[in-house]
Amino acid sequence: MPGRERRDADRGFVTAESAVVLPVLVMFATALVWGLLVVAAQIQCVDAARTGARAAARQDPAGAVVEVAREAAPRDASVTVSREGDQVRVTVVAKPPALHGLPFEVREEAVASAEEMVGVRGP
């Protein structure tokens, strides 16, 4: 039967195509999850920097500002607080989870006016 021989021959092609497509799908899914982890870490850094900047603007002690920012930041993030004139700047730098082997990090800064300077006019 010629039809049956054709179906049997096609069965091997489906297996070969699956063997090629499955690794591509796994790599795509892995890249998608990796991208989501990076975006989540970036959002956490944004929140941490803003929280730290608000605390620094209220004139909280530098140690308290760093602690508040670290609570909102991803694990093992570094937090830097600086003051330039009437503005405070909080910088949060973190490595996204599950990417410790890659030289990749997310960074976010937030700047706020110190409350003691708000509404004060110069000479």
PDB file of N, CA and C in Angstrom:
ATOM      1  N   MET A   1       0.823  -1.180   0.000  1.00  0.00           N
ATOM      2  CA  MET A   1       0.000   0.000   0.000  1.00  0.00           C
ATOM      3  C   MET A   1       0.872   1.250   0.000  1.00  0.00           C
ATOM      4  N   PRO A   2       0.755   2.053  -1.030  1.00  0.00           N
ATOM      5  CA  PRO A   2       1.607   3.229  -1.150  1.00  0.00           C
ATOM      6  C   PRO A   2       1.292   4.298  -0.094  1.00  0.00           C
ATOM      7  N   GLY A   3       0.060   4.456   0.339  1.00  0.00           N
ATOM      8  CA  GLY A   3      -0.299   5.463   1.343  1.00  0.00           C
ATOM      9  C   GLY A   3       0.316   5.175   2.694  1.00  0.00           C
ATOM     10  N   ARG A   4       0.357   3.895   3.055  1.00  0.00           N
ATOM     11  CA  ARG A   4       0.912   3.508   4.356  1.00  0.00           C
ATOM     12  C   ARG A   4       2.423   3.757   4.397  1.00  0.00           C
ATOM     13  N   GLU A   5       3.120   3.489   3.323  1.00  0.00           N
ATOM     14  CA  GLU A   5       4.564   3.729   3.275  1.00  0.00           C
ATOM     15  C   GLU A   5       4.866   5.211   3.452  1.00  0.00           C
ATOM     16  N   ARG A   6       4.044   6.060   2.884  1.00  0.00           N
ATOM     17  CA  ARG A   6       4.250   7.506   2.993  1.00  0.00           C
ATOM     18  C   ARG A   6       4.068   7.968   4.442  1.00  0.00           C
ATOM     19  N   ARG A   7       3.049   7.459   5.136  1.00  0.00           N
ATOM     20  CA  ARG A   7       2.816   7.822   6.531  1.00  0.00           C
ATOM     21  C   ARG A   7       3.970   7.364   7.416  1.00  0.00           C
ATOM     22  N   ASP A   8       4.482   6.198   7.178  1.00  0.00           N
ATOM     23  CA  ASP A   8       5.608   5.697   7.968  1.00  0.00           C
ATOM     24  C   ASP A   8       6.856   6.547   7.734  1.00  0.00           C
ATOM     25  N   ALA A   9       7.072   7.004   6.528  1.00  0.00           N
ATOM     26  CA  ALA A   9       8.230   7.845   6.219  1.00  0.00           C
ATOM     27  C   ALA A   9       8.084   9.221   6.861  1.00  0.00           C
ATOM     28  N   ASP A  10       6.862   9.754   6.910  1.00  0.00           N
ATOM     29  CA  ASP A  10       6.629  11.070   7.524  1.00  0.00           C
ATOM     30  C   ASP A  10       6.845  11.038   9.034  1.00  0.00           C
ATOM     31  N   ARG A  11       6.659   9.913   9.655  1.00  0.00           N
ATOM     32  CA  ARG A  11       6.807   9.806  11.102  1.00  0.00           C
ATOM     33  C   ARG A  11       8.230  10.181  11.541  1.00  0.00           C
ATOM     34  N   GLY A  12       9.204   9.855  10.800  1.00  0.00           N
ATOM     35  CA  GLY A  12      10.587  10.205  11.130  1.00  0.00           C
ATOM     36  C   GLY A  12      10.853  11.695  11.005  1.00  0.00           C
ATOM     37  N   PHE A  13      10.194  12.365  10.056  1.00  0.00           N
ATOM     38  CA  PHE A  13      10.368  13.809   9.889  1.00  0.00           C
ATOM     39  C   PHE A  13       9.797  14.573  11.077  1.00  0.00           C
ATOM     40  N   VAL A  14       8.686  14.122  11.616  1.00  0.00           N
ATOM     41  CA  VAL A  14       8.086  14.787  12.767  1.00  0.00           C
ATOM     42  C   VAL A  14       9.027  14.707  13.960  1.00  0.00           C
ATOM     43  N   THR A  15       9.649  13.582  14.163  1.00  0.00           N
ATOM     44  CA  THR A  15      10.601  13.427  15.259  1.00  0.00           C
ATOM     45  C   THR A  15      11.800  14.355  15.057  1.00  0.00           C
ATOM     46  N   ALA A  16      12.311  14.441  13.856  1.00  0.00           N
ATOM     47  CA  ALA A  16      13.454  15.310  13.579  1.00  0.00           C
ATOM     48  C   ALA A  16      13.084  16.779  13.768  1.00  0.00           C
ATOM     49  N   GLU A  17      11.916  17.176  13.318  1.00  0.00           N
ATOM     50  CA  GLU A  17      11.483  18.558  13.493  1.00  0.00           C
ATOM     51  C   GLU A  17      11.302  18.889  14.969  1.00  0.00           C
ATOM     52  N   SER A  18      10.754  17.958  15.731  1.00  0.00           N
ATOM     53  CA  SER A  18      10.577  18.175  17.167  1.00  0.00           C
ATOM     54  C   SER A  18      11.924  18.312  17.856  1.00  0.00           C
ATOM     55  N   ALA A  19      12.890  17.538  17.438  1.00  0.00           N
ATOM     56  CA  ALA A  19      14.218  17.600  18.038  1.00  0.00           C
ATOM     57  C   ALA A  19      14.876  18.955  17.792  1.00  0.00           C
ATOM     58  N   VAL A  20      14.520  19.624  16.701  1.00  0.00           N
ATOM     59  CA  VAL A  20      15.077  20.944  16.398  1.00  0.00           C
ATOM     60  C   VAL A  20      14.277  22.038  17.101  1.00  0.00           C
ATOM     61  N   VAL A  21      12.963  21.911  17.143  1.00  0.00           N
ATOM     62  CA  VAL A  21      12.102  22.964  17.670  1.00  0.00           C
ATOM     63  C   VAL A  21      12.124  23.018  19.199  1.00  0.00           C
ATOM     64  N   LEU A  22      12.159  21.898  19.870  1.00  0.00           N
ATOM     65  CA  LEU A  22      12.102  21.881  21.332  1.00  0.00           C
ATOM     66  C   LEU A  22      13.236  22.676  21.984  1.00  0.00           C
ATOM     67  N   PRO A  23      14.492  22.524  21.590  1.00  0.00           N
ATOM     68  CA  PRO A  23      15.542  23.350  22.214  1.00  0.00           C
ATOM     69  C   PRO A  23      15.330  24.849  21.974  1.00  0.00           C
ATOM     70  N   VAL A  24      14.815  25.200  20.808  1.00  0.00           N
ATOM     71  CA  VAL A  24      14.549  26.610  20.523  1.00  0.00           C
ATOM     72  C   VAL A  24      13.457  27.134  21.457  1.00  0.00           C
ATOM     73  N   LEU A  25      12.420  26.356  21.672  1.00  0.00           N
ATOM     74  CA  LEU A  25      11.350  26.761  22.579  1.00  0.00           C
ATOM     75  C   LEU A  25      11.854  26.878  24.019  1.00  0.00           C
ATOM     76  N   VAL A  26      12.701  25.971  24.445  1.00  0.00           N
ATOM     77  CA  VAL A  26      13.265  26.032  25.795  1.00  0.00           C
ATOM     78  C   VAL A  26      14.133  27.280  25.947  1.00  0.00           C
ATOM     79  N   MET A  27      14.955  27.582  24.952  1.00  0.00           N
ATOM     80  CA  MET A  27      15.787  28.790  25.011  1.00  0.00           C
ATOM     81  C   MET A  27      14.923  30.045  25.036  1.00  0.00           C
ATOM     82  N   PHE A  28      13.855  30.070  24.260  1.00  0.00           N
ATOM     83  CA  PHE A  28      12.953  31.225  24.249  1.00  0.00           C
ATOM     84  C   PHE A  28      12.288  31.397  25.609  1.00  0.00           C
ATOM     85  N   ALA A  29      11.814  30.315  26.210  1.00  0.00           N
ATOM     86  CA  ALA A  29      11.177  30.386  27.522  1.00  0.00           C
ATOM     87  C   ALA A  29      12.179  30.849  28.584  1.00  0.00           C
ATOM     88  N   THR A  30      13.409  30.363  28.500  1.00  0.00           N
ATOM     89  CA  THR A  30      14.453  30.775  29.445  1.00  0.00           C
ATOM     90  C   THR A  30      14.749  32.265  29.300  1.00  0.00           C
ATOM     91  N   ALA A  31      14.849  32.737  28.076  1.00  0.00           N
ATOM     92  CA  ALA A  31      15.100  34.165  27.839  1.00  0.00           C
ATOM     93  C   ALA A  31      13.938  35.013  28.346  1.00  0.00           C
ATOM     94  N   LEU A  32      12.735  34.531  28.198  1.00  0.00           N
ATOM     95  CA  LEU A  32      11.559  35.258  28.683  1.00  0.00           C
ATOM     96  C   LEU A  32      11.579  35.360  30.204  1.00  0.00           C
ATOM     97  N   VAL A  33      11.861  34.274  30.881  1.00  0.00           N
ATOM     98  CA  VAL A  33      11.938  34.286  32.346  1.00  0.00           C
ATOM     99  C   VAL A  33      13.080  35.191  32.794  1.00  0.00           C
ATOM    100  N   TRP A  34      14.232  35.122  32.132  1.00  0.00           N
ATOM    101  CA  TRP A  34      15.368  35.973  32.461  1.00  0.00           C
ATOM    102  C   TRP A  34      14.983  37.450  32.317  1.00  0.00           C
ATOM    103  N   GLY A  35      14.298  37.781  31.240  1.00  0.00           N
ATOM    104  CA  GLY A  35      13.852  39.163  31.031  1.00  0.00           C
ATOM    105  C   GLY A  35      12.893  39.630  32.113  1.00  0.00           C
ATOM    106  N   LEU A  36      11.997  38.762  32.528  1.00  0.00           N
ATOM    107  CA  LEU A  36      11.069  39.116  33.595  1.00  0.00           C
ATOM    108  C   LEU A  36      11.798  39.346  34.918  1.00  0.00           C
ATOM    109  N   LEU A  37      12.819  38.538  35.198  1.00  0.00           N
ATOM    110  CA  LEU A  37      13.608  38.735  36.412  1.00  0.00           C
ATOM    111  C   LEU A  37      14.345  40.071  36.398  1.00  0.00           C
ATOM    112  N   VAL A  38      14.863  40.448  35.247  1.00  0.00           N
ATOM    113  CA  VAL A  38      15.565  41.730  35.120  1.00  0.00           C
ATOM    114  C   VAL A  38      14.588  42.889  35.328  1.00  0.00           C
ATOM    115  N   VAL A  39      13.413  42.807  34.724  1.00  0.00           N
ATOM    116  CA  VAL A  39      12.410  43.867  34.878  1.00  0.00           C
ATOM    117  C   VAL A  39      11.963  43.967  36.331  1.00  0.00           C
ATOM    118  N   ALA A  40      11.749  42.838  36.993  1.00  0.00           N
ATOM    119  CA  ALA A  40      11.345  42.852  38.392  1.00  0.00           C
ATOM    120  C   ALA A  40      12.426  43.482  39.267  1.00  0.00           C
ATOM    121  N   ALA A  41      13.683  43.164  39.010  1.00  0.00           N
ATOM    122  CA  ALA A  41      14.785  43.755  39.772  1.00  0.00           C
ATOM    123  C   ALA A  41      14.873  45.259  39.520  1.00  0.00           C
ATOM    124  N   GLN A  42      14.634  45.675  38.291  1.00  0.00           N
ATOM    125  CA  GLN A  42      14.667  47.104  37.965  1.00  0.00           C
ATOM    126  C   GLN A  42      13.560  47.847  38.710  1.00  0.00           C
ATOM    127  N   ILE A  43      12.378  47.272  38.759  1.00  0.00           N
ATOM    128  CA  ILE A  43      11.262  47.909  39.470  1.00  0.00           C
ATOM    129  C   ILE A  43      11.567  47.994  40.958  1.00  0.00           C
ATOM    130  N   GLN A  44      12.168  46.947  41.526  1.00  0.00           N
ATOM    131  CA  GLN A  44      12.547  46.986  42.936  1.00  0.00           C
ATOM    132  C   GLN A  44      13.591  48.064  43.193  1.00  0.00           C
ATOM    133  N   CYS A  45      14.521  48.239  42.273  1.00  0.00           N
ATOM    134  CA  CYS A  45      15.536  49.288  42.430  1.00  0.00           C
ATOM    135  C   CYS A  45      14.913  50.675  42.365  1.00  0.00           C
ATOM    136  N   VAL A  46      13.952  50.865  41.472  1.00  0.00           N
ATOM    137  CA  VAL A  46      13.247  52.148  41.381  1.00  0.00           C
ATOM    138  C   VAL A  46      12.538  52.445  42.700  1.00  0.00           C
ATOM    139  N   ASP A  47      11.804  51.473  43.220  1.00  0.00           N
ATOM    140  CA  ASP A  47      11.090  51.662  44.476  1.00  0.00           C
ATOM    141  C   ASP A  47      12.049  51.949  45.626  1.00  0.00           C
ATOM    142  N   ALA A  48      13.152  51.210  45.680  1.00  0.00           N
ATOM    143  CA  ALA A  48      14.123  51.395  46.756  1.00  0.00           C
ATOM    144  C   ALA A  48      14.759  52.781  46.687  1.00  0.00           C
ATOM    145  N   ALA A  49      15.134  53.220  45.499  1.00  0.00           N
ATOM    146  CA  ALA A  49      15.751  54.541  45.352  1.00  0.00           C
ATOM    147  C   ALA A  49      14.773  55.645  45.745  1.00  0.00           C
ATOM    148  N   ARG A  50      13.526  55.526  45.333  1.00  0.00           N
ATOM    149  CA  ARG A  50      12.524  56.539  45.697  1.00  0.00           C
ATOM    150  C   ARG A  50      12.273  56.554  47.195  1.00  0.00           C
ATOM    151  N   THR A  51      12.166  55.373  47.791  1.00  0.00           N
ATOM    152  CA  THR A  51      11.944  55.291  49.235  1.00  0.00           C
ATOM    153  C   THR A  51      13.110  55.909  49.988  1.00  0.00           C
ATOM    154  N   GLY A  52      14.326  55.589  49.558  1.00  0.00           N
ATOM    155  CA  GLY A  52      15.505  56.162  50.195  1.00  0.00           C
ATOM    156  C   GLY A  52      15.588  57.667  50.019  1.00  0.00           C
ATOM    157  N   ALA A  53      15.243  58.158  48.842  1.00  0.00           N
ATOM    158  CA  ALA A  53      15.286  59.602  48.593  1.00  0.00           C
ATOM    159  C   ALA A  53      14.265  60.336  49.458  1.00  0.00           C
ATOM    160  N   ARG A  54      13.089  59.754  49.629  1.00  0.00           N
ATOM    161  CA  ARG A  54      12.090  60.386  50.502  1.00  0.00           C
ATOM    162  C   ARG A  54      12.592  60.441  51.943  1.00  0.00           C
ATOM    163  N   ALA A  55      13.191  59.338  52.404  1.00  0.00           N
ATOM    164  CA  ALA A  55      13.718  59.308  53.770  1.00  0.00           C
ATOM    165  C   ALA A  55      14.858  60.309  53.935  1.00  0.00           C
ATOM    166  N   ALA A  56      15.734  60.405  52.949  1.00  0.00           N
ATOM    167  CA  ALA A  56      16.850  61.352  53.017  1.00  0.00           C
ATOM    168  C   ALA A  56      16.341  62.789  52.965  1.00  0.00           C
ATOM    169  N   ALA A  57      15.292  63.037  52.201  1.00  0.00           N
ATOM    170  CA  ALA A  57      14.722  64.384  52.116  1.00  0.00           C
ATOM    171  C   ALA A  57      14.118  64.810  53.452  1.00  0.00           C
ATOM    172  N   ARG A  58      13.649  63.842  54.243  1.00  0.00           N
ATOM    173  CA  ARG A  58      13.097  64.142  55.575  1.00  0.00           C
ATOM    174  C   ARG A  58      14.196  64.346  56.611  1.00  0.00           C
ATOM    175  N   GLN A  59      15.449  64.264  56.182  1.00  0.00           N
ATOM    176  CA  GLN A  59      16.606  64.427  57.052  1.00  0.00           C
ATOM    177  C   GLN A  59      16.791  63.255  58.008  1.00  0.00           C
ATOM    178  N   ASP A  60      16.345  62.054  57.602  1.00  0.00           N
ATOM    179  CA  ASP A  60      16.626  60.857  58.399  1.00  0.00           C
ATOM    180  C   ASP A  60      18.127  60.618  58.383  1.00  0.00           C
ATOM    181  N   PRO A  61      18.677  59.975  59.418  1.00  0.00           N
ATOM    182  CA  PRO A  61      20.121  59.677  59.421  1.00  0.00           C
ATOM    183  C   PRO A  61      20.499  58.788  58.231  1.00  0.00           C
ATOM    184  N   ALA A  62      21.740  58.927  57.771  1.00  0.00           N
ATOM    185  CA  ALA A  62      22.187  58.195  56.579  1.00  0.00           C
ATOM    186  C   ALA A  62      22.037  56.684  56.757  1.00  0.00           C
ATOM    187  N   GLY A  63      22.333  56.167  57.947  1.00  0.00           N
ATOM    188  CA  GLY A  63      22.189  54.735  58.195  1.00  0.00           C
ATOM    189  C   GLY A  63      20.747  54.278  58.060  1.00  0.00           C
ATOM    190  N   ALA A  64      19.809  55.094  58.536  1.00  0.00           N
ATOM    191  CA  ALA A  64      18.385  54.756  58.421  1.00  0.00           C
ATOM    192  C   ALA A  64      17.929  54.808  56.968  1.00  0.00           C
ATOM    193  N   VAL A  65      18.467  55.762  56.216  1.00  0.00           N
ATOM    194  CA  VAL A  65      18.111  55.871  54.795  1.00  0.00           C
ATOM    195  C   VAL A  65      18.567  54.625  54.044  1.00  0.00           C
ATOM    196  N   VAL A  66      19.799  54.201  54.312  1.00  0.00           N
ATOM    197  CA  VAL A  66      20.339  53.008  53.648  1.00  0.00           C
ATOM    198  C   VAL A  66      19.516  51.778  54.028  1.00  0.00           C
ATOM    199  N   GLU A  67      19.161  51.672  55.300  1.00  0.00           N
ATOM    200  CA  GLU A  67      18.378  50.515  55.760  1.00  0.00           C
ATOM    201  C   GLU A  67      16.998  50.476  55.107  1.00  0.00           C
ATOM    202  N   VAL A  68      16.334  51.614  55.023  1.00  0.00           N
ATOM    203  CA  VAL A  68      15.005  51.674  54.390  1.00  0.00           C
ATOM    204  C   VAL A  68      15.108  51.304  52.913  1.00  0.00           C
ATOM    205  N   ALA A  69      16.135  51.812  52.247  1.00  0.00           N
ATOM    206  CA  ALA A  69      16.304  51.505  50.821  1.00  0.00           C
ATOM    207  C   ALA A  69      16.638  50.030  50.611  1.00  0.00           C
ATOM    208  N   ARG A  70      17.463  49.454  51.477  1.00  0.00           N
ATOM    209  CA  ARG A  70      17.822  48.033  51.336  1.00  0.00           C
ATOM    210  C   ARG A  70      16.631  47.114  51.550  1.00  0.00           C
ATOM    211  N   GLU A  71      15.698  47.514  52.411  1.00  0.00           N
ATOM    212  CA  GLU A  71      14.502  46.703  52.636  1.00  0.00           C
ATOM    213  C   GLU A  71      13.663  46.588  51.361  1.00  0.00           C
ATOM    214  N   ALA A  72      13.638  47.644  50.565  1.00  0.00           N
ATOM    215  CA  ALA A  72      12.839  47.636  49.335  1.00  0.00           C
ATOM    216  C   ALA A  72      13.624  47.125  48.131  1.00  0.00           C
ATOM    217  N   ALA A  73      14.945  47.081  48.248  1.00  0.00           N
ATOM    218  CA  ALA A  73      15.807  46.698  47.123  1.00  0.00           C
ATOM    219  C   ALA A  73      15.923  45.181  47.007  1.00  0.00           C
ATOM    220  N   PRO A  74      16.386  44.702  45.853  1.00  0.00           N
ATOM    221  CA  PRO A  74      16.673  43.269  45.723  1.00  0.00           C
ATOM    222  C   PRO A  74      17.785  42.853  46.694  1.00  0.00           C
ATOM    223  N   ARG A  75      17.876  41.572  46.965  1.00  0.00           N
ATOM    224  CA  ARG A  75      18.881  41.059  47.891  1.00  0.00           C
ATOM    225  C   ARG A  75      20.294  41.398  47.400  1.00  0.00           C
ATOM    226  N   ASP A  76      21.170  41.733  48.323  1.00  0.00           N
ATOM    227  CA  ASP A  76      22.576  42.060  48.066  1.00  0.00           C
ATOM    228  C   ASP A  76      22.765  43.310  47.212  1.00  0.00           C
ATOM    229  N   ALA A  77      21.798  44.208  47.231  1.00  0.00           N
ATOM    230  CA  ALA A  77      21.936  45.457  46.475  1.00  0.00           C
ATOM    231  C   ALA A  77      22.827  46.420  47.249  1.00  0.00           C
ATOM    232  N   SER A  78      23.522  47.276  46.522  1.00  0.00           N
ATOM    233  CA  SER A  78      24.315  48.315  47.180  1.00  0.00           C
ATOM    234  C   SER A  78      23.550  49.630  47.095  1.00  0.00           C
ATOM    235  N   VAL A  79      23.544  50.358  48.192  1.00  0.00           N
ATOM    236  CA  VAL A  79      22.814  51.623  48.281  1.00  0.00           C
ATOM    237  C   VAL A  79      23.807  52.712  48.631  1.00  0.00           C
ATOM    238  N   THR A  80      23.780  53.805  47.877  1.00  0.00           N
ATOM    239  CA  THR A  80      24.657  54.941  48.107  1.00  0.00           C
ATOM    240  C   THR A  80      23.809  56.185  48.299  1.00  0.00           C
ATOM    241  N   VAL A  81      24.110  56.941  49.344  1.00  0.00           N
ATOM    242  CA  VAL A  81      23.387  58.181  49.639  1.00  0.00           C
ATOM    243  C   VAL A  81      24.386  59.323  49.566  1.00  0.00           C
ATOM    244  N   SER A  82      24.036  60.374  48.824  1.00  0.00           N
ATOM    245  CA  SER A  82      24.908  61.547  48.749  1.00  0.00           C
ATOM    246  C   SER A  82      24.051  62.808  48.780  1.00  0.00           C
ATOM    247  N   ARG A  83      24.697  63.890  49.144  1.00  0.00           N
ATOM    248  CA  ARG A  83      23.993  65.173  49.194  1.00  0.00           C
ATOM    249  C   ARG A  83      24.788  66.192  48.395  1.00  0.00           C
ATOM    250  N   GLU A  84      24.079  66.902  47.540  1.00  0.00           N
ATOM    251  CA  GLU A  84      24.695  67.935  46.705  1.00  0.00           C
ATOM    252  C   GLU A  84      23.885  69.208  46.880  1.00  0.00           C
ATOM    253  N   GLY A  85      24.345  70.081  47.732  1.00  0.00           N
ATOM    254  CA  GLY A  85      23.614  71.319  47.990  1.00  0.00           C
ATOM    255  C   GLY A  85      22.304  71.020  48.700  1.00  0.00           C
ATOM    256  N   ASP A  86      21.208  71.414  48.071  1.00  0.00           N
ATOM    257  CA  ASP A  86      19.900  71.202  48.689  1.00  0.00           C
ATOM    258  C   ASP A  86      19.212  69.934  48.192  1.00  0.00           C
ATOM    259  N   GLN A  87      19.952  69.079  47.470  1.00  0.00           N
ATOM    260  CA  GLN A  87      19.364  67.853  46.944  1.00  0.00           C
ATOM    261  C   GLN A  87      20.080  66.627  47.501  1.00  0.00           C
ATOM    262  N   VAL A  88      19.283  65.587  47.728  1.00  0.00           N
ATOM    263  CA  VAL A  88      19.837  64.300  48.148  1.00  0.00           C
ATOM    264  C   VAL A  88      19.663  63.327  46.998  1.00  0.00           C
ATOM    265  N   ARG A  89      20.646  62.450  46.839  1.00  0.00           N
ATOM    266  CA  ARG A  89      20.621  61.475  45.749  1.00  0.00           C
ATOM    267  C   ARG A  89      20.845  60.089  46.346  1.00  0.00           C
ATOM    268  N   VAL A  90      19.957  59.159  45.997  1.00  0.00           N
ATOM    269  CA  VAL A  90      20.078  57.774  46.439  1.00  0.00           C
ATOM    270  C   VAL A  90      20.242  56.909  45.200  1.00  0.00           C
ATOM    271  N   THR A  91      21.290  56.101  45.190  1.00  0.00           N
ATOM    272  CA  THR A  91      21.576  55.212  44.068  1.00  0.00           C
ATOM    273  C   THR A  91      21.522  53.769  44.560  1.00  0.00           C
ATOM    274  N   VAL A  92      20.784  52.940  43.831  1.00  0.00           N
ATOM    275  CA  VAL A  92      20.657  51.519  44.161  1.00  0.00           C
ATOM    276  C   VAL A  92      21.174  50.715  42.976  1.00  0.00           C
ATOM    277  N   VAL A  93      22.111  49.810  43.235  1.00  0.00           N
ATOM    278  CA  VAL A  93      22.683  48.945  42.195  1.00  0.00           C
ATOM    279  C   VAL A  93      22.542  47.503  42.661  1.00  0.00           C
ATOM    280  N   ALA A  94      21.995  46.651  41.784  1.00  0.00           N
ATOM    281  CA  ALA A  94      21.773  45.246  42.160  1.00  0.00           C
ATOM    282  C   ALA A  94      21.987  44.345  40.960  1.00  0.00           C
ATOM    283  N   LYS A  95      22.336  43.106  41.259  1.00  0.00           N
ATOM    284  CA  LYS A  95      22.404  42.071  40.226  1.00  0.00           C
ATOM    285  C   LYS A  95      21.091  41.322  40.250  1.00  0.00           C
ATOM    286  N   PRO A  96      20.469  41.129  39.094  1.00  0.00           N
ATOM    287  CA  PRO A  96      19.214  40.373  39.079  1.00  0.00           C
ATOM    288  C   PRO A  96      19.431  38.943  39.568  1.00  0.00           C
ATOM    289  N   PRO A  97      18.419  38.365  40.210  1.00  0.00           N
ATOM    290  CA  PRO A  97      18.572  36.990  40.690  1.00  0.00           C
ATOM    291  C   PRO A  97      18.773  36.016  39.539  1.00  0.00           C
ATOM    292  N   ALA A  98      19.466  34.947  39.807  1.00  0.00           N
ATOM    293  CA  ALA A  98      19.732  33.864  38.840  1.00  0.00           C
ATOM    294  C   ALA A  98      20.676  34.289  37.719  1.00  0.00           C
ATOM    295  N   LEU A  99      21.309  35.450  37.840  1.00  0.00           N
ATOM    296  CA  LEU A  99      22.247  35.913  36.811  1.00  0.00           C
ATOM    297  C   LEU A  99      23.597  36.240  37.428  1.00  0.00           C
ATOM    298  N   HIS A 100      23.951  35.582  38.509  1.00  0.00           N
ATOM    299  CA  HIS A 100      25.178  35.927  39.218  1.00  0.00           C
ATOM    300  C   HIS A 100      26.431  35.687  38.387  1.00  0.00           C
ATOM    301  N   GLY A 101      26.397  34.818  37.417  1.00  0.00           N
ATOM    302  CA  GLY A 101      27.562  34.549  36.596  1.00  0.00           C
ATOM    303  C   GLY A 101      27.771  35.582  35.497  1.00  0.00           C
ATOM    304  N   LEU A 102      26.762  36.368  35.193  1.00  0.00           N
ATOM    305  CA  LEU A 102      26.860  37.354  34.118  1.00  0.00           C
ATOM    306  C   LEU A 102      27.245  38.725  34.669  1.00  0.00           C
ATOM    307  N   PRO A 103      28.044  39.484  33.948  1.00  0.00           N
ATOM    308  CA  PRO A 103      28.412  40.825  34.401  1.00  0.00           C
ATOM    309  C   PRO A 103      27.304  41.826  34.062  1.00  0.00           C
ATOM    310  N   PHE A 104      26.163  41.639  34.688  1.00  0.00           N
ATOM    311  CA  PHE A 104      24.984  42.440  34.369  1.00  0.00           C
ATOM    312  C   PHE A 104      24.383  42.948  35.672  1.00  0.00           C
ATOM    313  N   GLU A 105      24.032  44.223  35.713  1.00  0.00           N
ATOM    314  CA  GLU A 105      23.408  44.777  36.897  1.00  0.00           C
ATOM    315  C   GLU A 105      22.404  45.837  36.502  1.00  0.00           C
ATOM    316  N   VAL A 106      21.466  46.086  37.401  1.00  0.00           N
ATOM    317  CA  VAL A 106      20.496  47.152  37.180  1.00  0.00           C
ATOM    318  C   VAL A 106      20.821  48.268  38.160  1.00  0.00           C
ATOM    319  N   ARG A 107      20.581  49.494  37.740  1.00  0.00           N
ATOM    320  CA  ARG A 107      20.957  50.665  38.529  1.00  0.00           C
ATOM    321  C   ARG A 107      19.842  51.691  38.427  1.00  0.00           C
ATOM    322  N   GLU A 108      19.548  52.308  39.544  1.00  0.00           N
ATOM    323  CA  GLU A 108      18.519  53.341  39.549  1.00  0.00           C
ATOM    324  C   GLU A 108      18.900  54.428  40.537  1.00  0.00           C
ATOM    325  N   GLU A 109      18.578  55.664  40.193  1.00  0.00           N
ATOM    326  CA  GLU A 109      18.843  56.809  41.064  1.00  0.00           C
ATOM    327  C   GLU A 109      17.555  57.571  41.292  1.00  0.00           C
ATOM    328  N   ALA A 110      17.462  58.178  42.457  1.00  0.00           N
ATOM    329  CA  ALA A 110      16.347  59.072  42.758  1.00  0.00           C
ATOM    330  C   ALA A 110      16.921  60.302  43.444  1.00  0.00           C
ATOM    331  N   VAL A 111      16.399  61.453  43.088  1.00  0.00           N
ATOM    332  CA  VAL A 111      16.860  62.722  43.642  1.00  0.00           C
ATOM    333  C   VAL A 111      15.664  63.420  44.261  1.00  0.00           C
ATOM    334  N   ALA A 112      15.865  64.010  45.440  1.00  0.00           N
ATOM    335  CA  ALA A 112      14.798  64.749  46.112  1.00  0.00           C
ATOM    336  C   ALA A 112      15.392  65.993  46.749  1.00  0.00           C
ATOM    337  N   SER A 113      14.578  67.012  46.929  1.00  0.00           N
ATOM    338  CA  SER A 113      15.009  68.223  47.623  1.00  0.00           C
ATOM    339  C   SER A 113      14.913  68.000  49.117  1.00  0.00           C
ATOM    340  N   ALA A 114      15.936  68.429  49.821  1.00  0.00           N
ATOM    341  CA  ALA A 114      15.921  68.307  51.269  1.00  0.00           C
ATOM    342  C   ALA A 114      14.826  69.217  51.824  1.00  0.00           C
ATOM    343  N   GLU A 115      14.072  68.729  52.787  1.00  0.00           N
ATOM    344  CA  GLU A 115      12.932  69.473  53.288  1.00  0.00           C
ATOM    345  C   GLU A 115      13.324  70.772  53.950  1.00  0.00           C
ATOM    346  N   GLU A 116      14.498  70.834  54.543  1.00  0.00           N
ATOM    347  CA  GLU A 116      14.902  72.074  55.190  1.00  0.00           C
ATOM    348  C   GLU A 116      15.112  73.185  54.163  1.00  0.00           C
ATOM    349  N   MET A 117      15.324  72.833  52.918  1.00  0.00           N
ATOM    350  CA  MET A 117      15.579  73.813  51.865  1.00  0.00           C
ATOM    351  C   MET A 117      14.342  74.149  51.041  1.00  0.00           C
ATOM    352  N   VAL A 118      13.285  73.389  51.189  1.00  0.00           N
ATOM    353  CA  VAL A 118      12.078  73.619  50.384  1.00  0.00           C
ATOM    354  C   VAL A 118      11.441  74.922  50.836  1.00  0.00           C
ATOM    355  N   GLY A 119      11.188  75.797  49.906  1.00  0.00           N
ATOM    356  CA  GLY A 119      10.521  77.061  50.195  1.00  0.00           C
ATOM    357  C   GLY A 119      11.440  78.143  50.730  1.00  0.00           C
ATOM    358  N   VAL A 120      12.715  77.873  50.930  1.00  0.00           N
ATOM    359  CA  VAL A 120      13.659  78.863  51.431  1.00  0.00           C
ATOM    360  C   VAL A 120      14.248  79.593  50.232  1.00  0.00           C
ATOM    361  N   ARG A 121      14.169  80.918  50.274  1.00  0.00           N
ATOM    362  CA  ARG A 121      14.685  81.706  49.155  1.00  0.00           C
ATOM    363  C   ARG A 121      16.059  82.254  49.501  1.00  0.00           C
ATOM    364  N   GLY A 122      16.873  82.269  48.499  1.00  0.00           N
ATOM    365  CA  GLY A 122      18.225  82.800  48.671  1.00  0.00           C
ATOM    366  C   GLY A 122      18.228  84.303  48.732  1.00  0.00           C
ATOM    367  N   PRO A 123      19.391  84.909  49.032  1.00  0.00           N
ATOM    368  CA  PRO A 123      19.498  86.376  49.146  1.00  0.00           C
ATOM    369  C   PRO A 123      19.276  87.087  47.857  1.00  0.00           C
TER     370      PRO A 123
END
